Structures are given as structure tokens and as C-alpha cells.
Amino acid sequence: MLIKKFMIATVMMATMLMPGTGAADDRTIYVRYDPGGDLGLYQVKAQVAKELKLNVVIDGVCASACTLLINLPNSQLCVTERARLHFHRARLQKPIRNGRKILRDANRMMLASYPAGVRQWIAQRGGLTDRMLKMDSADVSRFFRRCGKPMLVS
């Protein structure tokens, strides 16, 4: 299953970097609206971006599992004035055995992958729940390097 997810993520990355996207020359992925999806797939997607040293520009909404991309090194991640992050706790598409434990572990993994300031921001708003927490662009810019500007706080 992990190999399948890795292959899918690799194809997704390659597709994003194909000529005609405007990102082929500088190996940059632009997130303009990404509603998220399968947590395992996004873990692999983030790992592939990290290992291939791809740059990620968040230039719009990055929601749900997409937020795993914020764990990339500061040198690979930047945000624009339009960047917004949306968080909620992990959910299952359908009931499965040990679902509660799997979700508990998934929520811990997600939170642990976020920078400390983001974890604190989430905690101050009641933690990860089924309710979508929406981080506006001003808060996003407090925690992440603005594109085209050096990182002021590491």
C-alpha cells in the first residue's frame, strides 16, 4: 500500500512540474487551492518534495491533509499574502476496525509534524476537532517565510 501511495505521489509531483505549468524550470509547486485528501498520500507527497528538494509556494488555501506540507524546511517553503491554512482532525472515509486508534494516532502525527507556533495556534482555538480552523493570511505570515523575503525567525 505504501509503495502504491509513493507511486501516486511521485506521479502527482511529476505532473505538477511538467512543462506548461510555469513551474518546470525552477522545480516549484504552487498550492493555490488544495482541499486535502488521503493523509497517507500527503505524507508521501511531503516526503517526496523534501527529498527532491522541491520548492513549495502556498499561494491560496491549503486545507486538511495538504497542511502536512508546512513541515518542509524553511528553505523549501514560502507563503504569499494569499496563503491560508485550514485544519481539522483526521477523519475516516468509512468505518474500519481500530478506527478510533488509527484516528488518534493520525491526529498526533499531524500535530507533531506542525511547527511549534502552529501547534500553539491550534491549541488556543480548542485543538483539532471536526470544526475547520481557518488560519488567515496574516497569521500564516507570522509562522512562515514570505516568498521573496528572507526568514526573520527560525
C-alpha atoms as a PDB file:
ATOM      1  CA  MET A   1       0.000   0.000   0.000  1.00  0.00           C
ATOM      2  CA  LEU A   2       2.836   2.425   0.855  1.00  0.00           C
ATOM      3  CA  ILE A   3       4.511   1.700  -2.485  1.00  0.00           C
ATOM      4  CA  LYS A   4       1.247   2.460  -4.276  1.00  0.00           C
ATOM      5  CA  LYS A   5       0.920   5.771  -2.396  1.00  0.00           C
ATOM      6  CA  PHE A   6       4.539   6.632  -3.172  1.00  0.00           C
ATOM      7  CA  MET A   7       3.965   5.959  -6.867  1.00  0.00           C
ATOM      8  CA  ILE A   8       0.795   8.081  -6.900  1.00  0.00           C
ATOM      9  CA  ALA A   9       2.560  10.927  -5.086  1.00  0.00           C
ATOM     10  CA  THR A  10       5.513  10.745  -7.462  1.00  0.00           C
ATOM     11  CA  VAL A  11       3.199  10.929 -10.474  1.00  0.00           C
ATOM     12  CA  MET A  12       1.365  13.868  -8.856  1.00  0.00           C
ATOM     13  CA  MET A  13       4.665  15.680  -8.310  1.00  0.00           C
ATOM     14  CA  ALA A  14       5.847  14.964 -11.856  1.00  0.00           C
ATOM     15  CA  THR A  15       2.531  16.218 -13.253  1.00  0.00           C
ATOM     16  CA  MET A  16       2.831  19.442 -11.270  1.00  0.00           C
ATOM     17  CA  LEU A  17       6.296  20.011 -12.696  1.00  0.00           C
ATOM     18  CA  MET A  18       5.521  19.317 -16.338  1.00  0.00           C
ATOM     19  CA  PRO A  19       6.286  21.994 -18.921  1.00  0.00           C
ATOM     20  CA  GLY A  20       3.459  24.424 -19.398  1.00  0.00           C
ATOM     21  CA  THR A  21       2.701  24.748 -15.678  1.00  0.00           C
ATOM     22  CA  GLY A  22       5.199  27.566 -15.242  1.00  0.00           C
ATOM     23  CA  ALA A  23       6.955  25.501 -12.585  1.00  0.00           C
ATOM     24  CA  ALA A  24       9.136  23.135 -14.622  1.00  0.00           C
ATOM     25  CA  ASP A  25      12.245  25.306 -14.721  1.00  0.00           C
ATOM     26  CA  ASP A  26      12.506  26.160 -11.052  1.00  0.00           C
ATOM     27  CA  ARG A  27      11.074  22.924  -9.571  1.00  0.00           C
ATOM     28  CA  THR A  28       8.392  24.797  -7.676  1.00  0.00           C
ATOM     29  CA  ILE A  29       4.975  23.511  -6.678  1.00  0.00           C
ATOM     30  CA  TYR A  30       2.286  26.173  -6.322  1.00  0.00           C
ATOM     31  CA  VAL A  31      -0.555  25.426  -3.914  1.00  0.00           C
ATOM     32  CA  ARG A  32      -3.411  27.706  -4.922  1.00  0.00           C
ATOM     33  CA  TYR A  33      -6.357  25.630  -3.744  1.00  0.00           C
ATOM     34  CA  ASP A  34      -5.782  22.205  -2.271  1.00  0.00           C
ATOM     35  CA  PRO A  35      -8.649  20.757  -0.212  1.00  0.00           C
ATOM     36  CA  GLY A  36      -6.502  17.875   1.051  1.00  0.00           C
ATOM     37  CA  GLY A  37      -7.455  14.235   0.967  1.00  0.00           C
ATOM     38  CA  ASP A  38      -5.787  10.986   1.965  1.00  0.00           C
ATOM     39  CA  LEU A  39      -3.411  11.637   4.874  1.00  0.00           C
ATOM     40  CA  GLY A  40      -1.023   8.838   3.877  1.00  0.00           C
ATOM     41  CA  LEU A  41      -0.779  10.182   0.346  1.00  0.00           C
ATOM     42  CA  TYR A  42       0.054  13.666   1.608  1.00  0.00           C
ATOM     43  CA  GLN A  43       2.704  12.257   3.963  1.00  0.00           C
ATOM     44  CA  VAL A  44       4.348  10.677   0.953  1.00  0.00           C
ATOM     45  CA  LYS A  45       3.837  13.826  -1.142  1.00  0.00           C
ATOM     46  CA  ALA A  46       5.577  15.946   1.519  1.00  0.00           C
ATOM     47  CA  GLN A  47       8.408  13.417   1.808  1.00  0.00           C
ATOM     48  CA  VAL A  48       8.917  13.341  -1.970  1.00  0.00           C
ATOM     49  CA  ALA A  49       9.005  17.170  -2.073  1.00  0.00           C
ATOM     50  CA  LYS A  50      11.530  17.193   0.772  1.00  0.00           C
ATOM     51  CA  GLU A  51      13.791  14.534  -0.733  1.00  0.00           C
ATOM     52  CA  LEU A  52      13.690  16.011  -4.239  1.00  0.00           C
ATOM     53  CA  LYS A  53      14.284  19.454  -2.710  1.00  0.00           C
ATOM     54  CA  LEU A  54      11.245  20.880  -4.477  1.00  0.00           C
ATOM     55  CA  ASN A  55      10.114  24.354  -3.510  1.00  0.00           C
ATOM     56  CA  VAL A  56       6.532  24.785  -2.338  1.00  0.00           C
ATOM     57  CA  VAL A  57       4.727  28.105  -2.575  1.00  0.00           C
ATOM     58  CA  ILE A  58       1.442  28.298  -0.704  1.00  0.00           C
ATOM     59  CA  ASP A  59      -0.500  30.925  -2.645  1.00  0.00           C
ATOM     60  CA  GLY A  60      -4.059  30.216  -1.558  1.00  0.00           C
ATOM     61  CA  VAL A  61      -5.935  27.683   0.530  1.00  0.00           C
ATOM     62  CA  CYS A  62      -4.079  24.613   1.777  1.00  0.00           C
ATOM     63  CA  ALA A  63      -6.594  22.580   3.776  1.00  0.00           C
ATOM     64  CA  SER A  64      -6.762  19.353   5.708  1.00  0.00           C
ATOM     65  CA  ALA A  65      -4.031  16.856   4.727  1.00  0.00           C
ATOM     66  CA  CYS A  66      -2.405  19.488   2.499  1.00  0.00           C
ATOM     67  CA  THR A  67      -1.174  21.153   5.695  1.00  0.00           C
ATOM     68  CA  LEU A  68       1.401  18.369   6.064  1.00  0.00           C
ATOM     69  CA  LEU A  69       3.414  20.385   3.538  1.00  0.00           C
ATOM     70  CA  ILE A  70       4.110  23.034   6.188  1.00  0.00           C
ATOM     71  CA  ASN A  71       6.616  20.631   7.723  1.00  0.00           C
ATOM     72  CA  LEU A  72       9.030  21.264   4.844  1.00  0.00           C
ATOM     73  CA  PRO A  73      12.269  23.073   5.691  1.00  0.00           C
ATOM     74  CA  ASN A  74      12.075  26.885   5.603  1.00  0.00           C
ATOM     75  CA  SER A  75      14.400  26.855   2.611  1.00  0.00           C
ATOM     76  CA  GLN A  76      11.803  24.915   0.589  1.00  0.00           C
ATOM     77  CA  LEU A  77       8.559  26.545   1.770  1.00  0.00           C
ATOM     78  CA  CYS A  78       7.257  30.060   1.445  1.00  0.00           C
ATOM     79  CA  VAL A  79       3.843  31.714   1.567  1.00  0.00           C
ATOM     80  CA  THR A  80       2.269  34.600  -0.295  1.00  0.00           C
ATOM     81  CA  GLU A  81      -0.141  37.223   1.023  1.00  0.00           C
ATOM     82  CA  ARG A  82      -2.992  34.976  -0.199  1.00  0.00           C
ATOM     83  CA  ALA A  83      -1.912  31.872   1.760  1.00  0.00           C
ATOM     84  CA  ARG A  84      -4.448  30.383   4.164  1.00  0.00           C
ATOM     85  CA  LEU A  85      -4.290  27.141   6.121  1.00  0.00           C
ATOM     86  CA  HIS A  86      -7.350  25.142   7.209  1.00  0.00           C
ATOM     87  CA  PHE A  87      -7.049  22.477   9.902  1.00  0.00           C
ATOM     88  CA  HIS A  88      -9.342  19.794  11.314  1.00  0.00           C
ATOM     89  CA  ARG A  89      -8.875  16.419  12.931  1.00  0.00           C
ATOM     90  CA  ALA A  90      -8.379  13.320  10.820  1.00  0.00           C
ATOM     91  CA  ARG A  91     -11.460  11.544   9.536  1.00  0.00           C
ATOM     92  CA  LEU A  92     -12.160   8.141   8.050  1.00  0.00           C
ATOM     93  CA  GLN A  93     -13.873   7.726   4.700  1.00  0.00           C
ATOM     94  CA  LYS A  94     -15.630   4.623   6.031  1.00  0.00           C
ATOM     95  CA  PRO A  95     -15.677   2.758   9.359  1.00  0.00           C
ATOM     96  CA  ILE A  96     -12.801   0.328   9.862  1.00  0.00           C
ATOM     97  CA  ARG A  97     -11.562  -1.908  12.645  1.00  0.00           C
ATOM     98  CA  ASN A  98      -9.457   0.013  15.188  1.00  0.00           C
ATOM     99  CA  GLY A  99     -10.644   3.251  13.578  1.00  0.00           C
ATOM    100  CA  ARG A 100     -10.526   5.241  16.815  1.00  0.00           C
ATOM    101  CA  LYS A 101      -6.918   4.283  17.499  1.00  0.00           C
ATOM    102  CA  ILE A 102      -5.934   4.982  13.900  1.00  0.00           C
ATOM    103  CA  LEU A 103      -7.541   8.431  14.063  1.00  0.00           C
ATOM    104  CA  ARG A 104      -5.947   9.191  17.435  1.00  0.00           C
ATOM    105  CA  ASP A 105      -2.533   8.230  16.033  1.00  0.00           C
ATOM    106  CA  ALA A 106      -3.151  10.233  12.846  1.00  0.00           C
ATOM    107  CA  ASN A 107      -4.074  13.347  14.837  1.00  0.00           C
ATOM    108  CA  ARG A 108      -0.943  13.012  16.974  1.00  0.00           C
ATOM    109  CA  MET A 109       1.186  12.593  13.850  1.00  0.00           C
ATOM    110  CA  MET A 110      -0.343  15.647  12.182  1.00  0.00           C
ATOM    111  CA  LEU A 111       0.119  17.858  15.227  1.00  0.00           C
ATOM    112  CA  ALA A 112       3.679  16.629  15.765  1.00  0.00           C
ATOM    113  CA  SER A 113       4.545  17.497  12.156  1.00  0.00           C
ATOM    114  CA  TYR A 114       3.447  21.128  12.525  1.00  0.00           C
ATOM    115  CA  PRO A 115       5.857  23.823  13.738  1.00  0.00           C
ATOM    116  CA  ALA A 116       5.518  24.715  17.434  1.00  0.00           C
ATOM    117  CA  GLY A 117       3.867  28.077  16.747  1.00  0.00           C
ATOM    118  CA  VAL A 118       1.201  26.462  14.593  1.00  0.00           C
ATOM    119  CA  ARG A 119       0.540  23.802  17.265  1.00  0.00           C
ATOM    120  CA  GLN A 120       0.113  26.581  19.815  1.00  0.00           C
ATOM    121  CA  TRP A 121      -2.232  28.499  17.490  1.00  0.00           C
ATOM    122  CA  ILE A 122      -4.349  25.338  17.066  1.00  0.00           C
ATOM    123  CA  ALA A 123      -4.367  24.645  20.832  1.00  0.00           C
ATOM    124  CA  GLN A 124      -5.501  28.213  21.585  1.00  0.00           C
ATOM    125  CA  ARG A 125      -8.536  27.565  19.391  1.00  0.00           C
ATOM    126  CA  GLY A 126      -9.573  24.306  21.031  1.00  0.00           C
ATOM    127  CA  GLY A 127      -7.320  21.844  19.198  1.00  0.00           C
ATOM    128  CA  LEU A 128      -8.113  19.722  16.185  1.00  0.00           C
ATOM    129  CA  THR A 129     -11.828  18.972  16.033  1.00  0.00           C
ATOM    130  CA  ASP A 130     -14.370  18.315  13.292  1.00  0.00           C
ATOM    131  CA  ARG A 131     -14.789  22.090  13.026  1.00  0.00           C
ATOM    132  CA  MET A 132     -12.477  23.661  10.438  1.00  0.00           C
ATOM    133  CA  LEU A 133      -9.932  26.056  11.947  1.00  0.00           C
ATOM    134  CA  LYS A 134      -9.076  28.687   9.361  1.00  0.00           C
ATOM    135  CA  MET A 135      -5.725  30.449   9.696  1.00  0.00           C
ATOM    136  CA  ASP A 136      -5.870  33.701   7.776  1.00  0.00           C
ATOM    137  CA  SER A 137      -3.018  35.101   5.722  1.00  0.00           C
ATOM    138  CA  ALA A 138      -1.826  37.432   8.492  1.00  0.00           C
ATOM    139  CA  ASP A 139      -1.332  34.501  10.881  1.00  0.00           C
ATOM    140  CA  VAL A 140       0.184  32.323   8.153  1.00  0.00           C
ATOM    141  CA  SER A 141       2.755  35.073   7.510  1.00  0.00           C
ATOM    142  CA  ARG A 142       3.658  35.126  11.209  1.00  0.00           C
ATOM    143  CA  PHE A 143       4.725  31.486  11.083  1.00  0.00           C
ATOM    144  CA  PHE A 144       6.233  31.072   7.613  1.00  0.00           C
ATOM    145  CA  ARG A 145       8.650  32.877   5.341  1.00  0.00           C
ATOM    146  CA  ARG A 146       7.017  35.178   2.823  1.00  0.00           C
ATOM    147  CA  CYS A 147       8.039  34.366  -0.718  1.00  0.00           C
ATOM    148  CA  GLY A 148      10.813  36.641  -1.908  1.00  0.00           C
ATOM    149  CA  LYS A 149      11.752  37.633   1.631  1.00  0.00           C
ATOM    150  CA  PRO A 150      14.335  36.134   3.992  1.00  0.00           C
ATOM    151  CA  MET A 151      13.102  34.226   7.043  1.00  0.00           C
ATOM    152  CA  LEU A 152      13.254  36.555  10.059  1.00  0.00           C
ATOM    153  CA  VAL A 153      12.545  33.980  12.754  1.00  0.00           C
ATOM    154  CA  SER A 154      13.637  30.371  12.502  1.00  0.00           C
END
